[in-house]
Amino acid sequence: MSRFVEIARTNEIAPGEAKMVEVEGKKIAIFNLEGDYYAIDDTCPHARGPLSEGEVEGEAVTCPWHGSEFNIKTGEVLRPPARRGVKSYRVQVEGSIIKIEA
């Protein structure tokens, strides 16, 4: 059975920004897109770059190491060199607390 785990507070992530958190040994990037929060694996499958440090434009994040681009909402790869996407996580916001499904 799935459960939601607290990962951050809304005031920790400005609109258009991201934060890396660790949940059960996994690095996860949480993004604030105009007040809506999304979570994907933080590690690019191409060369393990940190997606939370990438440039956000619209619903896409670009890996800072080699330029792979991913959809923040779905984890789908939008531009190589990565050949596959990353896992996305369901997010809940309760008041100022952000949780993801673990």
C-alpha atoms as a PDB file:
ATOM      1  CA  MET A   1       0.000   0.000   0.000  1.00  0.00           C
ATOM      2  CA  SER A   2       1.338   3.423  -0.917  1.00  0.00           C
ATOM      3  CA  ARG A   3       1.855   6.233   1.544  1.00  0.00           C
ATOM      4  CA  PHE A   4       2.684   9.919   1.286  1.00  0.00           C
ATOM      5  CA  VAL A   5       5.921  11.195   2.812  1.00  0.00           C
ATOM      6  CA  GLU A   6       6.605  14.814   3.782  1.00  0.00           C
ATOM      7  CA  ILE A   7       9.489  16.177   1.713  1.00  0.00           C
ATOM      8  CA  ALA A   8       9.408  19.990   1.929  1.00  0.00           C
ATOM      9  CA  ARG A   9       7.417  23.115   2.715  1.00  0.00           C
ATOM     10  CA  THR A  10       5.977  25.357   0.038  1.00  0.00           C
ATOM     11  CA  ASN A  11       8.033  28.381   1.164  1.00  0.00           C
ATOM     12  CA  GLU A  12      11.279  26.458   0.481  1.00  0.00           C
ATOM     13  CA  ILE A  13      10.804  26.372  -3.321  1.00  0.00           C
ATOM     14  CA  ALA A  14      10.162  29.593  -5.244  1.00  0.00           C
ATOM     15  CA  PRO A  15       8.115  29.494  -8.480  1.00  0.00           C
ATOM     16  CA  GLY A  16      10.274  28.231 -11.360  1.00  0.00           C
ATOM     17  CA  GLU A  17      12.772  26.672  -8.940  1.00  0.00           C
ATOM     18  CA  ALA A  18      13.569  23.151  -7.737  1.00  0.00           C
ATOM     19  CA  LYS A  19      14.940  21.431  -4.666  1.00  0.00           C
ATOM     20  CA  MET A  20      16.586  18.035  -4.262  1.00  0.00           C
ATOM     21  CA  VAL A  21      15.368  15.850  -1.418  1.00  0.00           C
ATOM     22  CA  GLU A  22      16.238  12.307  -0.399  1.00  0.00           C
ATOM     23  CA  VAL A  23      13.448   9.854   0.313  1.00  0.00           C
ATOM     24  CA  GLU A  24      14.289   6.297   1.335  1.00  0.00           C
ATOM     25  CA  GLY A  25      17.730   6.587  -0.274  1.00  0.00           C
ATOM     26  CA  LYS A  26      16.470   8.062  -3.576  1.00  0.00           C
ATOM     27  CA  LYS A  27      17.281  11.573  -4.810  1.00  0.00           C
ATOM     28  CA  ILE A  28      14.113  13.324  -5.955  1.00  0.00           C
ATOM     29  CA  ALA A  29      13.710  16.761  -7.548  1.00  0.00           C
ATOM     30  CA  ILE A  30      10.647  18.750  -6.480  1.00  0.00           C
ATOM     31  CA  PHE A  31       9.618  21.639  -8.755  1.00  0.00           C
ATOM     32  CA  ASN A  32       7.326  24.631  -8.215  1.00  0.00           C
ATOM     33  CA  LEU A  33       5.542  25.531 -11.450  1.00  0.00           C
ATOM     34  CA  GLU A  34       3.503  28.630 -10.634  1.00  0.00           C
ATOM     35  CA  GLY A  35       2.306  27.216  -7.317  1.00  0.00           C
ATOM     36  CA  ASP A  36       1.794  23.633  -8.481  1.00  0.00           C
ATOM     37  CA  TYR A  37       4.362  21.092  -7.306  1.00  0.00           C
ATOM     38  CA  TYR A  38       5.784  18.151  -9.268  1.00  0.00           C
ATOM     39  CA  ALA A  39       8.376  15.518  -8.389  1.00  0.00           C
ATOM     40  CA  ILE A  40      10.655  13.426 -10.607  1.00  0.00           C
ATOM     41  CA  ASP A  41      13.834  11.445 -10.048  1.00  0.00           C
ATOM     42  CA  ASP A  42      16.708  13.911  -9.663  1.00  0.00           C
ATOM     43  CA  THR A  43      19.269  11.832 -11.549  1.00  0.00           C
ATOM     44  CA  CYS A  44      19.505  12.083 -15.350  1.00  0.00           C
ATOM     45  CA  PRO A  45      19.707   8.574 -16.858  1.00  0.00           C
ATOM     46  CA  HIS A  46      22.321   9.710 -19.420  1.00  0.00           C
ATOM     47  CA  ALA A  47      25.233  10.652 -17.142  1.00  0.00           C
ATOM     48  CA  ARG A  48      23.630  10.974 -13.688  1.00  0.00           C
ATOM     49  CA  GLY A  49      23.442  14.800 -13.740  1.00  0.00           C
ATOM     50  CA  PRO A  50      21.363  16.543 -11.034  1.00  0.00           C
ATOM     51  CA  LEU A  51      18.070  17.645 -12.620  1.00  0.00           C
ATOM     52  CA  SER A  52      17.233  19.837  -9.608  1.00  0.00           C
ATOM     53  CA  GLU A  53      20.161  22.046 -10.678  1.00  0.00           C
ATOM     54  CA  GLY A  54      18.952  22.321 -14.283  1.00  0.00           C
ATOM     55  CA  GLU A  55      17.326  25.267 -16.017  1.00  0.00           C
ATOM     56  CA  VAL A  56      13.523  25.283 -15.854  1.00  0.00           C
ATOM     57  CA  GLU A  57      11.596  26.642 -18.811  1.00  0.00           C
ATOM     58  CA  GLY A  58       7.841  26.134 -18.865  1.00  0.00           C
ATOM     59  CA  GLU A  59       7.173  22.477 -18.023  1.00  0.00           C
ATOM     60  CA  ALA A  60      10.701  21.333 -18.965  1.00  0.00           C
ATOM     61  CA  VAL A  61      13.989  21.001 -17.105  1.00  0.00           C
ATOM     62  CA  THR A  62      17.348  20.741 -18.864  1.00  0.00           C
ATOM     63  CA  CYS A  63      20.080  18.594 -17.336  1.00  0.00           C
ATOM     64  CA  PRO A  64      23.001  20.905 -16.493  1.00  0.00           C
ATOM     65  CA  TRP A  65      25.622  18.371 -17.603  1.00  0.00           C
ATOM     66  CA  HIS A  66      24.775  17.399 -21.188  1.00  0.00           C
ATOM     67  CA  GLY A  67      21.510  19.131 -22.090  1.00  0.00           C
ATOM     68  CA  SER A  68      18.989  16.300 -21.950  1.00  0.00           C
ATOM     69  CA  GLU A  69      15.534  17.747 -21.423  1.00  0.00           C
ATOM     70  CA  PHE A  70      12.679  16.250 -19.397  1.00  0.00           C
ATOM     71  CA  ASN A  71       9.011  17.031 -18.837  1.00  0.00           C
ATOM     72  CA  ILE A  72       8.670  18.067 -15.192  1.00  0.00           C
ATOM     73  CA  LYS A  73       5.086  16.790 -14.940  1.00  0.00           C
ATOM     74  CA  THR A  74       5.619  13.324 -16.444  1.00  0.00           C
ATOM     75  CA  GLY A  75       9.377  12.610 -16.415  1.00  0.00           C
ATOM     76  CA  GLU A  76       9.279  11.957 -20.183  1.00  0.00           C
ATOM     77  CA  VAL A  77      12.513  12.640 -22.063  1.00  0.00           C
ATOM     78  CA  LEU A  78      12.011  15.523 -24.495  1.00  0.00           C
ATOM     79  CA  ARG A  79      15.530  15.882 -25.914  1.00  0.00           C
ATOM     80  CA  PRO A  80      18.562  13.561 -26.007  1.00  0.00           C
ATOM     81  CA  PRO A  81      21.240  12.531 -25.268  1.00  0.00           C
ATOM     82  CA  ALA A  82      19.131  10.731 -22.611  1.00  0.00           C
ATOM     83  CA  ARG A  83      17.171   7.906 -24.243  1.00  0.00           C
ATOM     84  CA  ARG A  84      14.650   7.271 -21.498  1.00  0.00           C
ATOM     85  CA  GLY A  85      12.695   9.364 -19.067  1.00  0.00           C
ATOM     86  CA  VAL A  86      12.747   9.473 -15.292  1.00  0.00           C
ATOM     87  CA  LYS A  87      10.151   8.373 -12.769  1.00  0.00           C
ATOM     88  CA  SER A  88       7.520  10.907 -11.729  1.00  0.00           C
ATOM     89  CA  TYR A  89       5.826  10.879  -8.318  1.00  0.00           C
ATOM     90  CA  ARG A  90       2.342  11.863  -7.177  1.00  0.00           C
ATOM     91  CA  VAL A  91       2.429  15.015  -5.066  1.00  0.00           C
ATOM     92  CA  GLN A  92       0.024  16.256  -2.389  1.00  0.00           C
ATOM     93  CA  VAL A  93       0.095  19.663  -0.749  1.00  0.00           C
ATOM     94  CA  GLU A  94      -1.551  19.947   2.661  1.00  0.00           C
ATOM     95  CA  GLY A  95      -1.414  23.532   3.864  1.00  0.00           C
ATOM     96  CA  SER A  96       2.256  24.394   3.505  1.00  0.00           C
ATOM     97  CA  ILE A  97       3.509  20.775   3.541  1.00  0.00           C
ATOM     98  CA  ILE A  98       4.541  19.044   0.314  1.00  0.00           C
ATOM     99  CA  LYS A  99       4.314  15.242   0.258  1.00  0.00           C
ATOM    100  CA  ILE A 100       5.095  12.620  -2.372  1.00  0.00           C
ATOM    101  CA  GLU A 101       3.808   9.094  -2.774  1.00  0.00           C
ATOM    102  CA  ALA A 102       6.518   6.666  -1.692  1.00  0.00           C
END
